[in-house]
C-alpha atoms as a PDB file:
ATOM      1  CA  MET A   1      11.882 -43.938 -57.863  1.00  0.00           C
ATOM      2  CA  GLU A   2      15.212 -41.891 -58.160  1.00  0.00           C
ATOM      3  CA  PRO A   3      18.410 -44.071 -57.079  1.00  0.00           C
ATOM      4  CA  LEU A   4      20.136 -42.648 -54.082  1.00  0.00           C
ATOM      5  CA  CYS A   5      23.159 -43.560 -52.170  1.00  0.00           C
ATOM      6  CA  ILE A   6      23.846 -44.276 -48.597  1.00  0.00           C
ATOM      7  CA  GLY A   7      26.760 -42.127 -46.579  1.00  0.00           C
ATOM      8  CA  ILE A   8      28.420 -43.417 -43.941  1.00  0.00           C
ATOM      9  CA  ASP A   9      30.319 -40.792 -41.646  1.00  0.00           C
ATOM     10  CA  ILE A  10      32.080 -43.398 -38.211  1.00  0.00           C
ATOM     11  CA  GLY A  11      33.186 -41.202 -35.487  1.00  0.00           C
ATOM     12  CA  GLY A  12      35.462 -42.696 -32.258  1.00  0.00           C
ATOM     13  CA  THR A  13      32.044 -41.089 -30.658  1.00  0.00           C
ATOM     14  CA  ASN A  14      29.080 -41.376 -32.814  1.00  0.00           C
ATOM     15  CA  PHE A  15      28.133 -43.464 -36.439  1.00  0.00           C
ATOM     16  CA  ARG A  16      25.545 -41.384 -38.117  1.00  0.00           C
ATOM     17  CA  ILE A  17      24.168 -42.931 -41.889  1.00  0.00           C
ATOM     18  CA  GLY A  18      21.008 -41.430 -43.935  1.00  0.00           C
ATOM     19  CA  ALA A  19      20.491 -41.471 -47.696  1.00  0.00           C
ATOM     20  CA  VAL A  20      21.448 -38.930 -50.112  1.00  0.00           C
ATOM     21  CA  ASP A  21      19.369 -37.861 -53.238  1.00  0.00           C
ATOM     22  CA  ALA A  22      21.886 -35.892 -56.862  1.00  0.00           C
ATOM     23  CA  GLY A  23      20.731 -33.085 -54.898  1.00  0.00           C
ATOM     24  CA  GLY A  24      22.477 -33.357 -51.758  1.00  0.00           C
ATOM     25  CA  THR A  25      19.365 -34.007 -49.525  1.00  0.00           C
ATOM     26  CA  VAL A  26      19.585 -36.350 -46.921  1.00  0.00           C
ATOM     27  CA  MET A  27      17.043 -38.543 -45.286  1.00  0.00           C
ATOM     28  CA  HIS A  28      16.148 -41.221 -42.976  1.00  0.00           C
ATOM     29  CA  PHE A  29      19.392 -40.128 -41.159  1.00  0.00           C
ATOM     30  CA  GLU A  30      20.015 -41.946 -37.549  1.00  0.00           C
ATOM     31  CA  ARG A  31      23.122 -41.777 -35.507  1.00  0.00           C
ATOM     32  CA  HIS A  32      23.596 -44.320 -33.026  1.00  0.00           C
ATOM     33  CA  SER A  33      27.347 -44.932 -30.270  1.00  0.00           C
ATOM     34  CA  SER A  34      30.121 -45.804 -32.194  1.00  0.00           C
ATOM     35  CA  ASP A  35      30.231 -48.489 -29.492  1.00  0.00           C
ATOM     36  CA  LEU A  36      28.285 -50.979 -31.300  1.00  0.00           C
ATOM     37  CA  PHE A  37      32.237 -51.257 -33.177  1.00  0.00           C
ATOM     38  CA  ARG A  38      33.180 -52.864 -30.505  1.00  0.00           C
ATOM     39  CA  ALA A  39      30.362 -56.329 -30.036  1.00  0.00           C
ATOM     40  CA  GLY A  40      32.292 -58.517 -32.730  1.00  0.00           C
ATOM     41  CA  ASN A  41      33.685 -58.185 -36.049  1.00  0.00           C
ATOM     42  CA  ALA A  42      33.888 -54.601 -37.702  1.00  0.00           C
ATOM     43  CA  THR A  43      32.769 -56.119 -41.383  1.00  0.00           C
ATOM     44  CA  GLN A  44      29.955 -57.929 -40.144  1.00  0.00           C
ATOM     45  CA  VAL A  45      29.205 -55.137 -37.327  1.00  0.00           C
ATOM     46  CA  LEU A  46      28.127 -52.811 -39.462  1.00  0.00           C
ATOM     47  CA  ALA A  47      26.893 -54.969 -42.584  1.00  0.00           C
ATOM     48  CA  HIS A  48      24.408 -55.958 -39.955  1.00  0.00           C
ATOM     49  CA  VAL A  49      23.322 -52.461 -38.971  1.00  0.00           C
ATOM     50  CA  VAL A  50      22.780 -50.903 -43.155  1.00  0.00           C
ATOM     51  CA  LEU A  51      21.225 -53.952 -44.327  1.00  0.00           C
ATOM     52  CA  GLY A  52      18.849 -53.306 -40.959  1.00  0.00           C
ATOM     53  CA  TYR A  53      18.958 -49.525 -42.146  1.00  0.00           C
ATOM     54  CA  LEU A  54      17.770 -50.292 -45.997  1.00  0.00           C
ATOM     55  CA  GLU A  55      15.054 -52.288 -44.290  1.00  0.00           C
ATOM     56  CA  ARG A  56      13.909 -50.143 -41.871  1.00  0.00           C
ATOM     57  CA  TYR A  57      13.071 -47.297 -44.099  1.00  0.00           C
ATOM     58  CA  GLY A  58      12.159 -49.438 -47.512  1.00  0.00           C
ATOM     59  CA  LEU A  59      15.427 -48.886 -49.521  1.00  0.00           C
ATOM     60  CA  ARG A  60      16.854 -52.189 -50.558  1.00  0.00           C
ATOM     61  CA  GLY A  61      16.996 -51.539 -54.302  1.00  0.00           C
ATOM     62  CA  ARG A  62      16.537 -48.305 -54.411  1.00  0.00           C
ATOM     63  CA  ALA A  63      20.503 -47.718 -53.274  1.00  0.00           C
ATOM     64  CA  ALA A  64      22.769 -47.700 -56.159  1.00  0.00           C
ATOM     65  CA  GLY A  65      25.715 -47.276 -53.700  1.00  0.00           C
ATOM     66  CA  VAL A  66      27.307 -46.985 -50.077  1.00  0.00           C
ATOM     67  CA  GLY A  67      30.170 -43.990 -49.292  1.00  0.00           C
ATOM     68  CA  ILE A  68      32.246 -44.483 -45.580  1.00  0.00           C
ATOM     69  CA  GLY A  69      34.015 -42.088 -44.446  1.00  0.00           C
ATOM     70  CA  VAL A  70      36.730 -43.182 -40.930  1.00  0.00           C
ATOM     71  CA  PRO A  71      38.526 -41.167 -38.773  1.00  0.00           C
ATOM     72  CA  ALA A  72      41.612 -42.947 -39.820  1.00  0.00           C
ATOM     73  CA  VAL A  73      44.690 -43.330 -42.013  1.00  0.00           C
ATOM     74  CA  VAL A  74      42.886 -43.898 -45.577  1.00  0.00           C
ATOM     75  CA  SER A  75      45.454 -46.171 -48.621  1.00  0.00           C
ATOM     76  CA  ARG A  76      46.341 -43.496 -51.374  1.00  0.00           C
ATOM     77  CA  ASP A  77      43.746 -46.456 -53.941  1.00  0.00           C
ATOM     78  CA  LYS A  78      41.333 -45.826 -51.073  1.00  0.00           C
ATOM     79  CA  HIS A  79      40.183 -49.449 -50.789  1.00  0.00           C
ATOM     80  CA  ILE A  80      42.259 -50.285 -47.335  1.00  0.00           C
ATOM     81  CA  VAL A  81      41.226 -48.765 -43.711  1.00  0.00           C
ATOM     82  CA  ARG A  82      44.975 -48.702 -42.692  1.00  0.00           C
ATOM     83  CA  SER A  83      44.906 -46.984 -39.139  1.00  0.00           C
ATOM     84  CA  ALA A  84      42.089 -46.129 -37.297  1.00  0.00           C
ATOM     85  CA  PRO A  85      43.183 -46.130 -33.237  1.00  0.00           C
ATOM     86  CA  ASN A  86      39.456 -44.955 -32.470  1.00  0.00           C
ATOM     87  CA  LEU A  87      38.109 -46.956 -34.023  1.00  0.00           C
ATOM     88  CA  PRO A  88      38.220 -51.560 -32.689  1.00  0.00           C
ATOM     89  CA  GLY A  89      38.876 -53.934 -35.623  1.00  0.00           C
ATOM     90  CA  PHE A  90      39.115 -51.020 -38.516  1.00  0.00           C
ATOM     91  CA  ASP A  91      43.356 -51.278 -38.644  1.00  0.00           C
ATOM     92  CA  ALA A  92      44.442 -53.154 -41.770  1.00  0.00           C
ATOM     93  CA  LEU A  93      40.544 -53.681 -43.644  1.00  0.00           C
ATOM     94  CA  ALA A  94      40.272 -53.882 -46.378  1.00  0.00           C
ATOM     95  CA  LEU A  95      36.533 -52.579 -45.966  1.00  0.00           C
ATOM     96  CA  PRO A  96      34.993 -51.691 -49.522  1.00  0.00           C
ATOM     97  CA  ALA A  97      35.807 -54.717 -51.007  1.00  0.00           C
ATOM     98  CA  LEU A  98      33.954 -56.908 -47.948  1.00  0.00           C
ATOM     99  CA  LEU A  99      30.938 -54.610 -47.495  1.00  0.00           C
ATOM    100  CA  THR A 100      30.493 -54.368 -51.327  1.00  0.00           C
ATOM    101  CA  GLU A 101      29.893 -58.384 -51.073  1.00  0.00           C
ATOM    102  CA  ALA A 102      28.110 -58.484 -47.928  1.00  0.00           C
ATOM    103  CA  LEU A 103      25.578 -55.619 -49.246  1.00  0.00           C
ATOM    104  CA  GLY A 104      25.670 -56.351 -52.577  1.00  0.00           C
ATOM    105  CA  VAL A 105      26.496 -52.844 -54.560  1.00  0.00           C
ATOM    106  CA  PRO A 106      29.123 -50.421 -54.325  1.00  0.00           C
ATOM    107  CA  VAL A 107      31.323 -49.166 -51.088  1.00  0.00           C
ATOM    108  CA  PHE A 108      33.616 -46.953 -51.684  1.00  0.00           C
ATOM    109  CA  LEU A 109      35.908 -45.044 -48.740  1.00  0.00           C
ATOM    110  CA  ASP A 110      37.797 -42.226 -47.741  1.00  0.00           C
ATOM    111  CA  ARG A 111      38.991 -40.385 -44.793  1.00  0.00           C
ATOM    112  CA  ASP A 112      36.067 -38.313 -42.938  1.00  0.00           C
ATOM    113  CA  VAL A 113      37.173 -34.946 -43.276  1.00  0.00           C
ATOM    114  CA  ASN A 114      37.665 -35.684 -46.565  1.00  0.00           C
ATOM    115  CA  LEU A 115      33.141 -35.583 -46.578  1.00  0.00           C
ATOM    116  CA  LEU A 116      33.001 -33.345 -44.133  1.00  0.00           C
ATOM    117  CA  LEU A 117      35.001 -31.244 -46.631  1.00  0.00           C
ATOM    118  CA  ARG A 118      33.736 -32.618 -49.494  1.00  0.00           C
ATOM    119  CA  SER A 119      29.952 -31.756 -48.128  1.00  0.00           C
ATOM    120  CA  ASP A 120      30.994 -28.388 -47.121  1.00  0.00           C
ATOM    121  CA  MET A 121      31.996 -26.900 -50.397  1.00  0.00           C
ATOM    122  CA  ARG A 122      28.558 -28.036 -51.359  1.00  0.00           C
ATOM    123  CA  THR A 123      27.284 -25.630 -48.899  1.00  0.00           C
ATOM    124  CA  LEU A 124      29.493 -22.954 -49.286  1.00  0.00           C
ATOM    125  CA  VAL A 125      29.333 -23.314 -53.643  1.00  0.00           C
ATOM    126  CA  LEU A 126      33.016 -23.115 -53.286  1.00  0.00           C
ATOM    127  CA  PRO A 127      34.016 -23.963 -57.218  1.00  0.00           C
ATOM    128  CA  GLY A 128      35.350 -27.336 -57.633  1.00  0.00           C
ATOM    129  CA  GLU A 129      38.613 -26.344 -59.952  1.00  0.00           C
ATOM    130  CA  SER A 130      39.729 -24.918 -56.773  1.00  0.00           C
ATOM    131  CA  THR A 131      42.274 -24.967 -53.353  1.00  0.00           C
ATOM    132  CA  VAL A 132      40.307 -25.889 -50.224  1.00  0.00           C
ATOM    133  CA  LEU A 133      41.650 -26.272 -46.959  1.00  0.00           C
ATOM    134  CA  GLY A 134      38.930 -28.366 -44.455  1.00  0.00           C
ATOM    135  CA  PHE A 135      40.228 -27.179 -40.560  1.00  0.00           C
ATOM    136  CA  TYR A 136      38.199 -29.530 -38.393  1.00  0.00           C
ATOM    137  CA  VAL A 137      38.454 -29.434 -34.855  1.00  0.00           C
ATOM    138  CA  GLY A 138      36.467 -31.634 -32.393  1.00  0.00           C
ATOM    139  CA  THR A 139      37.867 -34.874 -30.363  1.00  0.00           C
ATOM    140  CA  GLY A 140      41.275 -33.906 -32.280  1.00  0.00           C
ATOM    141  CA  PHE A 141      42.595 -31.539 -35.036  1.00  0.00           C
ATOM    142  CA  GLY A 142      41.592 -33.057 -38.286  1.00  0.00           C
ATOM    143  CA  ASN A 143      42.087 -31.589 -41.711  1.00  0.00           C
ATOM    144  CA  ALA A 144      41.229 -32.166 -45.643  1.00  0.00           C
ATOM    145  CA  LEU A 145      43.190 -30.983 -48.682  1.00  0.00           C
ATOM    146  CA  TYR A 146      41.935 -30.710 -51.443  1.00  0.00           C
ATOM    147  CA  LEU A 147      44.234 -28.900 -54.182  1.00  0.00           C
ATOM    148  CA  ASP A 148      43.598 -27.619 -56.944  1.00  0.00           C
ATOM    149  CA  GLY A 149      40.808 -29.542 -58.166  1.00  0.00           C
ATOM    150  CA  ARG A 150      41.632 -32.729 -55.997  1.00  0.00           C
ATOM    151  CA  PHE A 151      41.571 -34.492 -52.940  1.00  0.00           C
ATOM    152  CA  TYR A 152      45.211 -34.932 -52.007  1.00  0.00           C
ATOM    153  CA  ALA A 153      46.342 -37.878 -50.025  1.00  0.00           C
ATOM    154  CA  GLY A 154      49.691 -38.232 -50.254  1.00  0.00           C
ATOM    155  CA  LYS A 155      52.263 -41.587 -50.530  1.00  0.00           C
ATOM    156  CA  ASN A 156      50.396 -42.946 -47.883  1.00  0.00           C
ATOM    157  CA  GLY A 157      47.172 -42.037 -47.893  1.00  0.00           C
ATOM    158  CA  ALA A 158      48.060 -40.174 -44.364  1.00  0.00           C
ATOM    159  CA  ALA A 159      48.888 -36.207 -45.735  1.00  0.00           C
ATOM    160  CA  GLY A 160      47.130 -33.811 -43.601  1.00  0.00           C
ATOM    161  CA  GLU A 161      47.652 -35.093 -40.262  1.00  0.00           C
ATOM    162  CA  LEU A 162      47.870 -30.933 -39.342  1.00  0.00           C
ATOM    163  CA  GLY A 163      47.744 -32.347 -35.483  1.00  0.00           C
ATOM    164  CA  HIS A 164      50.822 -34.001 -35.270  1.00  0.00           C
ATOM    165  CA  ILE A 165      52.934 -31.086 -36.586  1.00  0.00           C
ATOM    166  CA  PRO A 166      55.397 -31.636 -33.755  1.00  0.00           C
ATOM    167  CA  LEU A 167      55.759 -28.215 -31.251  1.00  0.00           C
ATOM    168  CA  LEU A 168      58.796 -27.157 -29.850  1.00  0.00           C
ATOM    169  CA  GLY A 169      59.190 -27.203 -25.975  1.00  0.00           C
ATOM    170  CA  PHE A 170      55.723 -28.782 -25.903  1.00  0.00           C
ATOM    171  CA  SER A 171      56.997 -32.616 -24.111  1.00  0.00           C
ATOM    172  CA  THR A 172      53.665 -33.458 -23.793  1.00  0.00           C
ATOM    173  CA  THR A 173      53.074 -37.446 -24.957  1.00  0.00           C
ATOM    174  CA  CYS A 174      49.927 -37.122 -27.521  1.00  0.00           C
ATOM    175  CA  ALA A 175      48.392 -40.655 -28.151  1.00  0.00           C
ATOM    176  CA  CYS A 176      49.867 -41.517 -31.903  1.00  0.00           C
ATOM    177  CA  GLY A 177      53.458 -41.839 -29.759  1.00  0.00           C
ATOM    178  CA  ASN A 178      54.979 -38.654 -30.538  1.00  0.00           C
ATOM    179  CA  VAL A 179      55.789 -36.364 -27.793  1.00  0.00           C
ATOM    180  CA  GLY A 180      55.279 -32.669 -28.616  1.00  0.00           C
ATOM    181  CA  CYS A 181      52.342 -33.189 -31.635  1.00  0.00           C
ATOM    182  CA  CYS A 182      49.709 -30.002 -31.513  1.00  0.00           C
ATOM    183  CA  GLU A 183      46.767 -32.091 -31.423  1.00  0.00           C
ATOM    184  CA  VAL A 184      48.008 -32.564 -27.597  1.00  0.00           C
ATOM    185  CA  ARG A 185      47.158 -28.314 -27.196  1.00  0.00           C
ATOM    186  CA  CYS A 186      45.223 -27.728 -30.217  1.00  0.00           C
ATOM    187  CA  SER A 187      42.164 -29.816 -30.047  1.00  0.00           C
ATOM    188  CA  GLY A 188      38.960 -31.244 -28.213  1.00  0.00           C
ATOM    189  CA  ARG A 189      40.188 -33.532 -25.968  1.00  0.00           C
ATOM    190  CA  ALA A 190      42.650 -30.925 -24.681  1.00  0.00           C
ATOM    191  CA  LEU A 191      39.785 -28.058 -23.901  1.00  0.00           C
ATOM    192  CA  GLU A 192      38.141 -30.836 -21.915  1.00  0.00           C
ATOM    193  CA  HIS A 193      41.003 -31.674 -19.852  1.00  0.00           C
ATOM    194  CA  LEU A 194      42.267 -27.395 -18.994  1.00  0.00           C
ATOM    195  CA  VAL A 195      37.853 -27.147 -18.770  1.00  0.00           C
ATOM    196  CA  LYS A 196      38.210 -29.903 -16.348  1.00  0.00           C
ATOM    197  CA  ARG A 197      41.410 -28.701 -14.542  1.00  0.00           C
ATOM    198  CA  LEU A 198      39.975 -24.943 -14.265  1.00  0.00           C
ATOM    199  CA  PHE A 199      36.067 -25.323 -14.275  1.00  0.00           C
ATOM    200  CA  PRO A 200      34.947 -28.768 -12.951  1.00  0.00           C
ATOM    201  CA  LYS A 201      31.557 -27.565 -12.532  1.00  0.00           C
ATOM    202  CA  THR A 202      31.455 -26.560 -15.873  1.00  0.00           C
ATOM    203  CA  PRO A 203      30.132 -29.065 -18.935  1.00  0.00           C
ATOM    204  CA  VAL A 204      33.216 -28.996 -21.779  1.00  0.00           C
ATOM    205  CA  GLY A 205      30.355 -27.918 -24.391  1.00  0.00           C
ATOM    206  CA  ARG A 206      29.529 -24.598 -21.804  1.00  0.00           C
ATOM    207  CA  ALA A 207      33.139 -23.439 -20.894  1.00  0.00           C
ATOM    208  CA  PHE A 208      33.618 -21.103 -23.550  1.00  0.00           C
ATOM    209  CA  ALA A 209      29.409 -19.512 -22.863  1.00  0.00           C
ATOM    210  CA  ASP A 210      29.619 -19.484 -18.976  1.00  0.00           C
ATOM    211  CA  HIS A 211      33.289 -18.274 -19.220  1.00  0.00           C
ATOM    212  CA  PRO A 212      33.769 -15.283 -21.784  1.00  0.00           C
ATOM    213  CA  GLY A 213      36.550 -13.876 -22.154  1.00  0.00           C
ATOM    214  CA  HIS A 214      38.470 -16.354 -19.844  1.00  0.00           C
ATOM    215  CA  PRO A 215      42.229 -15.692 -20.755  1.00  0.00           C
ATOM    216  CA  ALA A 216      43.084 -19.480 -20.718  1.00  0.00           C
ATOM    217  CA  LEU A 217      39.556 -20.127 -23.900  1.00  0.00           C
ATOM    218  CA  VAL A 218      41.070 -17.034 -25.578  1.00  0.00           C
ATOM    219  CA  ARG A 219      44.518 -18.643 -26.026  1.00  0.00           C
ATOM    220  CA  PHE A 220      42.767 -21.895 -26.920  1.00  0.00           C
ATOM    221  CA  ALA A 221      41.304 -20.399 -29.563  1.00  0.00           C
ATOM    222  CA  ARG A 222      44.676 -18.223 -30.501  1.00  0.00           C
ATOM    223  CA  ASP A 223      46.812 -21.374 -30.185  1.00  0.00           C
ATOM    224  CA  LEU A 224      44.173 -23.089 -32.926  1.00  0.00           C
ATOM    225  CA  ALA A 225      45.317 -20.827 -35.033  1.00  0.00           C
ATOM    226  CA  VAL A 226      49.402 -21.791 -35.288  1.00  0.00           C
ATOM    227  CA  PRO A 227      48.494 -24.909 -37.247  1.00  0.00           C
ATOM    228  CA  ILE A 228      45.840 -23.236 -39.062  1.00  0.00           C
ATOM    229  CA  ALA A 229      48.414 -20.329 -40.448  1.00  0.00           C
ATOM    230  CA  THR A 230      50.880 -22.831 -40.405  1.00  0.00           C
ATOM    231  CA  GLU A 231      49.277 -24.482 -43.612  1.00  0.00           C
ATOM    232  CA  ILE A 232      47.426 -21.581 -45.193  1.00  0.00           C
ATOM    233  CA  ASN A 233      50.908 -20.553 -45.286  1.00  0.00           C
ATOM    234  CA  ILE A 234      52.399 -23.375 -47.184  1.00  0.00           C
ATOM    235  CA  LEU A 235      49.313 -24.042 -49.575  1.00  0.00           C
ATOM    236  CA  ASP A 236      48.052 -20.064 -49.870  1.00  0.00           C
ATOM    237  CA  PRO A 237      44.257 -21.660 -50.813  1.00  0.00           C
ATOM    238  CA  ASP A 238      41.628 -19.523 -52.226  1.00  0.00           C
ATOM    239  CA  CYS A 239      39.167 -20.843 -49.315  1.00  0.00           C
ATOM    240  CA  ALA A 240      39.941 -21.970 -45.833  1.00  0.00           C
ATOM    241  CA  VAL A 241      36.661 -24.350 -43.912  1.00  0.00           C
ATOM    242  CA  LEU A 242      36.708 -23.871 -40.756  1.00  0.00           C
ATOM    243  CA  SER A 243      34.438 -25.851 -38.602  1.00  0.00           C
ATOM    244  CA  GLY A 244      34.028 -28.684 -35.902  1.00  0.00           C
ATOM    245  CA  GLY A 245      32.187 -29.598 -32.491  1.00  0.00           C
ATOM    246  CA  VAL A 246      34.726 -27.382 -30.932  1.00  0.00           C
ATOM    247  CA  LEU A 247      33.805 -24.087 -33.468  1.00  0.00           C
ATOM    248  CA  GLU A 248      30.068 -25.035 -33.202  1.00  0.00           C
ATOM    249  CA  MET A 249      30.129 -24.869 -29.264  1.00  0.00           C
ATOM    250  CA  PRO A 250      28.481 -21.554 -27.910  1.00  0.00           C
ATOM    251  CA  GLY A 251      30.183 -18.601 -26.980  1.00  0.00           C
ATOM    252  CA  PHE A 252      33.285 -19.487 -28.782  1.00  0.00           C
ATOM    253  CA  PRO A 253      35.661 -17.117 -29.427  1.00  0.00           C
ATOM    254  CA  LYS A 254      35.609 -16.571 -33.420  1.00  0.00           C
ATOM    255  CA  THR A 255      36.495 -13.239 -34.220  1.00  0.00           C
ATOM    256  CA  GLU A 256      40.053 -14.106 -31.666  1.00  0.00           C
ATOM    257  CA  LEU A 257      40.771 -17.234 -33.518  1.00  0.00           C
ATOM    258  CA  LEU A 258      40.165 -15.540 -37.255  1.00  0.00           C
ATOM    259  CA  ASP A 259      42.721 -12.167 -36.049  1.00  0.00           C
ATOM    260  CA  ALA A 260      45.372 -15.028 -34.780  1.00  0.00           C
ATOM    261  CA  VAL A 261      45.000 -16.815 -38.014  1.00  0.00           C
ATOM    262  CA  THR A 262      45.775 -13.661 -39.623  1.00  0.00           C
ATOM    263  CA  ALA A 263      48.053 -12.080 -37.714  1.00  0.00           C
ATOM    264  CA  HIS A 264      50.227 -15.447 -38.291  1.00  0.00           C
ATOM    265  CA  VAL A 265      49.994 -15.803 -42.082  1.00  0.00           C
ATOM    266  CA  ARG A 266      52.408 -14.079 -44.059  1.00  0.00           C
ATOM    267  CA  LYS A 267      51.908 -10.574 -45.595  1.00  0.00           C
ATOM    268  CA  PRO A 268      51.250  -9.509 -48.260  1.00  0.00           C
ATOM    269  CA  TYR A 269      50.802 -12.450 -49.753  1.00  0.00           C
ATOM    270  CA  PRO A 270      48.822 -15.235 -48.961  1.00  0.00           C
ATOM    271  CA  ALA A 271      47.345 -12.444 -46.060  1.00  0.00           C
ATOM    272  CA  THR A 272      46.029 -10.283 -49.039  1.00  0.00           C
ATOM    273  CA  GLY A 273      42.461 -11.514 -49.933  1.00  0.00           C
ATOM    274  CA  LEU A 274      42.539 -14.650 -47.026  1.00  0.00           C
ATOM    275  CA  ASP A 275      39.178 -15.928 -47.501  1.00  0.00           C
ATOM    276  CA  LEU A 276      38.216 -17.698 -44.111  1.00  0.00           C
ATOM    277  CA  ARG A 277      34.659 -19.375 -43.700  1.00  0.00           C
ATOM    278  CA  PHE A 278      33.000 -20.643 -40.590  1.00  0.00           C
ATOM    279  CA  SER A 279      30.279 -23.939 -41.985  1.00  0.00           C
ATOM    280  CA  PRO A 280      27.316 -23.956 -40.317  1.00  0.00           C
ATOM    281  CA  PRO A 281      26.677 -26.103 -38.028  1.00  0.00           C
ATOM    282  CA  ASP A 282      25.415 -29.459 -39.342  1.00  0.00           C
ATOM    283  CA  ALA A 283      25.222 -33.003 -37.626  1.00  0.00           C
ATOM    284  CA  MET A 284      24.110 -34.470 -41.334  1.00  0.00           C
ATOM    285  CA  ARG A 285      27.420 -32.713 -42.587  1.00  0.00           C
ATOM    286  CA  GLY A 286      29.769 -36.506 -42.335  1.00  0.00           C
ATOM    287  CA  VAL A 287      26.420 -38.718 -44.166  1.00  0.00           C
ATOM    288  CA  ARG A 288      25.836 -36.047 -47.206  1.00  0.00           C
ATOM    289  CA  GLY A 289      29.750 -35.824 -48.026  1.00  0.00           C
ATOM    290  CA  GLY A 290      28.787 -39.787 -47.595  1.00  0.00           C
ATOM    291  CA  GLY A 291      26.437 -39.962 -50.296  1.00  0.00           C
ATOM    292  CA  LEU A 292      28.044 -37.336 -52.922  1.00  0.00           C
ATOM    293  CA  LEU A 293      31.236 -39.382 -52.514  1.00  0.00           C
ATOM    294  CA  ALA A 294      29.696 -42.972 -53.574  1.00  0.00           C
ATOM    295  CA  ALA A 295      27.213 -40.735 -56.518  1.00  0.00           C
ATOM    296  CA  GLU A 296      30.712 -39.324 -57.811  1.00  0.00           C
ATOM    297  CA  GLN A 297      32.649 -42.380 -57.713  1.00  0.00           C
ATOM    298  CA  LEU A 298      29.890 -44.583 -59.926  1.00  0.00           C
ATOM    299  CA  HIS A 299      29.210 -41.700 -61.768  1.00  0.00           C
ATOM    300  CA  LYS A 300      33.211 -42.115 -62.864  1.00  0.00           C
ATOM    301  CA  THR A 301      32.704 -46.137 -63.923  1.00  0.00           C
ATOM    302  CA  ARG A 302      29.097 -45.576 -66.071  1.00  0.00           C
ATOM    303  CA  ALA A 303      31.208 -42.619 -67.517  1.00  0.00           C
END
């Protein structure tokens, strides 16, 4: 039987796992609450969950490797989870080495947004030798940088923290501790606060559908364009991928967002020929990206 890779997407809210074949097809997909990591040692809990998953689907011996994405700063060499404020017990954790020992197969690590963009590039058939920017608006503002054919990490593995660009004249303190980060205004968390204040009886996921054209919601969408256009002006990409739970909400004003990005991007370049794409909704995107990461790294070690 064909070997499979296990993809794992760990978020602050959800834990997703699935088996991924060579073509990127996800099988035996499961979703759990990330609260499971509050039960004790993060590595032991994760190993227990993965081993149980492999037993449930008869995948022991078929899993060639595991790829894991976390919403965190990951060391440049991808060996350490350096800072994961929304995941208890993950800070300064040598996750790949510890899990490799526990599972008996190679384990590979990356930021969750890099797994999302890796999957989206496969789905959207984007060339490998290109520059692609991924903007993922969920609870926070995730950003993946794929520059000239490779993911970019930076000196500390912290490149792409776009949600922490400071906004002048904006004094709210961010969860990171800095004042005026754009994520305080441009994120799902910010949208939730906005909806509770303006529409207390409306579930946040229904805000755009139930209150179409409301000035505050249109302003929210246009505010998202500021960090997106900023990075496009700096890096002049071949393509920019827009996605995340907020952008996938029913009624989200995508036209207003695209118009605002286009308005802010420098003319004539990089505005000329600017390629902006919304990736299709896909709950398995991060899992697929994890499986593709593991397969890619295994191929490199065998080459």
